[in-house]
Amino acid sequence: MERYWAGNSINKNKGMVEHLQRYGVIQSMKVAEIMETVDRALFVPDGSPAYEDSPMQIGFNATISAPHMHATCLQLLEKNLQPGMHALDVGS
């Protein structure tokens, strides 16, 4: 796993997205728009460093993937999803 930044230096969802764009992980404006719309902090425990680029424990012996993994998957999906289609990340 390549980690694009560490620590708690980013404290907003928009900053996380801008960082992923700067590193070339997010290459399309559509993916950036989607990741800015859905705030990662809604899916991690309160007080967690939500915007750190690493997987995070979310309880029940489960983790949420690192932001760069979500961005990479969205970049791949963008090429295949047609207007009106949806994708859902349910984990495993």
Protein backbone atom coordinates (compact mmCIF):
# COMPACT_ATOMS: atom_id res chain seq x y z
CA MET A 1 0.00 0.00 0.00
CA GLU A 2 1.36 3.39 -0.93
CA ARG A 3 0.49 6.06 1.56
CA TYR A 4 0.22 9.56 0.14
CA TRP A 5 0.40 11.44 3.44
CA ALA A 6 0.48 10.62 7.11
CA GLY A 7 -0.48 12.28 10.30
CA ASN A 8 -3.28 14.65 11.04
CA SER A 9 -2.19 17.47 8.72
CA ILE A 10 -5.43 17.48 6.73
CA ASN A 11 -8.57 18.33 8.67
CA LYS A 12 -11.23 18.78 5.99
CA ASN A 13 -12.67 16.51 3.34
CA LYS A 14 -11.92 19.10 0.62
CA GLY A 15 -8.26 19.20 1.70
CA MET A 16 -8.06 15.41 1.44
CA VAL A 17 -9.47 15.51 -2.09
CA GLU A 18 -7.09 18.29 -3.13
CA HIS A 19 -4.18 16.26 -1.78
CA LEU A 20 -5.27 13.21 -3.79
CA GLN A 21 -5.50 15.40 -6.89
CA ARG A 22 -2.02 16.83 -6.27
CA TYR A 23 -0.56 13.32 -6.07
CA GLY A 24 -2.35 12.27 -9.27
CA VAL A 25 -4.60 9.71 -7.59
CA ILE A 26 -7.71 11.67 -8.54
CA GLN A 27 -7.46 12.54 -12.21
CA SER A 28 -11.01 13.56 -13.10
CA MET A 29 -13.16 16.41 -11.88
CA LYS A 30 -16.14 14.04 -11.56
CA VAL A 31 -14.31 11.81 -9.07
CA ALA A 32 -13.14 14.89 -7.14
CA GLU A 33 -16.71 16.19 -7.04
CA ILE A 34 -18.04 12.87 -5.74
CA MET A 35 -15.37 12.56 -3.06
CA GLU A 36 -15.98 16.15 -1.94
CA THR A 37 -19.73 15.50 -1.73
CA VAL A 38 -19.45 12.44 0.54
CA ASP A 39 -17.50 13.38 3.67
CA ARG A 40 -15.31 10.53 4.93
CA ALA A 41 -15.83 11.72 8.52
CA LEU A 42 -19.40 10.37 8.34
CA PHE A 43 -18.05 6.81 8.14
CA VAL A 44 -15.40 6.77 10.89
CA PRO A 45 -15.69 6.96 14.69
CA ASP A 46 -15.98 10.46 16.18
CA GLY A 47 -12.59 11.92 17.01
CA SER A 48 -10.75 9.73 14.49
CA PRO A 49 -8.35 11.30 11.98
CA ALA A 50 -10.89 10.88 9.19
CA TYR A 51 -8.76 12.41 6.44
CA GLU A 52 -5.53 10.48 7.06
CA ASP A 53 -4.54 8.31 4.11
CA SER A 54 -4.70 4.96 5.85
CA PRO A 55 -7.28 2.28 6.55
CA MET A 56 -9.10 2.80 9.83
CA GLN A 57 -10.86 0.56 12.33
CA ILE A 58 -14.58 1.33 12.32
CA GLY A 59 -15.74 -1.27 14.84
CA PHE A 60 -17.19 -4.77 14.61
CA ASN A 61 -13.77 -6.07 13.49
CA ALA A 62 -14.04 -4.05 10.25
CA THR A 63 -12.02 -1.30 8.59
CA ILE A 64 -12.68 1.47 6.09
CA SER A 65 -10.19 1.61 3.22
CA ALA A 66 -7.69 4.44 2.84
CA PRO A 67 -8.90 7.46 0.85
CA HIS A 68 -6.51 6.73 -2.02
CA MET A 69 -8.10 3.28 -2.42
CA HIS A 70 -11.59 4.78 -2.71
CA ALA A 71 -10.30 7.34 -5.22
CA THR A 72 -8.58 4.64 -7.28
CA CYS A 73 -11.75 2.53 -7.39
CA LEU A 74 -13.86 5.53 -8.40
CA GLN A 75 -11.39 6.36 -11.18
CA LEU A 76 -11.77 2.79 -12.51
CA LEU A 77 -15.55 2.84 -12.16
CA GLU A 78 -15.86 6.16 -13.96
CA LYS A 79 -14.77 4.50 -17.21
CA ASN A 80 -17.52 1.87 -16.96
CA LEU A 81 -20.56 3.46 -15.33
CA GLN A 82 -23.14 4.92 -17.67
CA PRO A 83 -25.43 7.84 -16.77
CA GLY A 84 -28.09 6.71 -14.31
CA MET A 85 -26.03 3.76 -13.01
CA HIS A 86 -24.93 3.57 -9.37
CA ALA A 87 -22.16 1.80 -7.47
CA LEU A 88 -22.14 0.84 -3.79
CA ASP A 89 -19.06 -0.06 -1.75
CA VAL A 90 -20.31 -2.56 0.82
CA GLY A 91 -16.94 -3.88 1.97
CA SER A 92 -16.49 -7.54 2.78
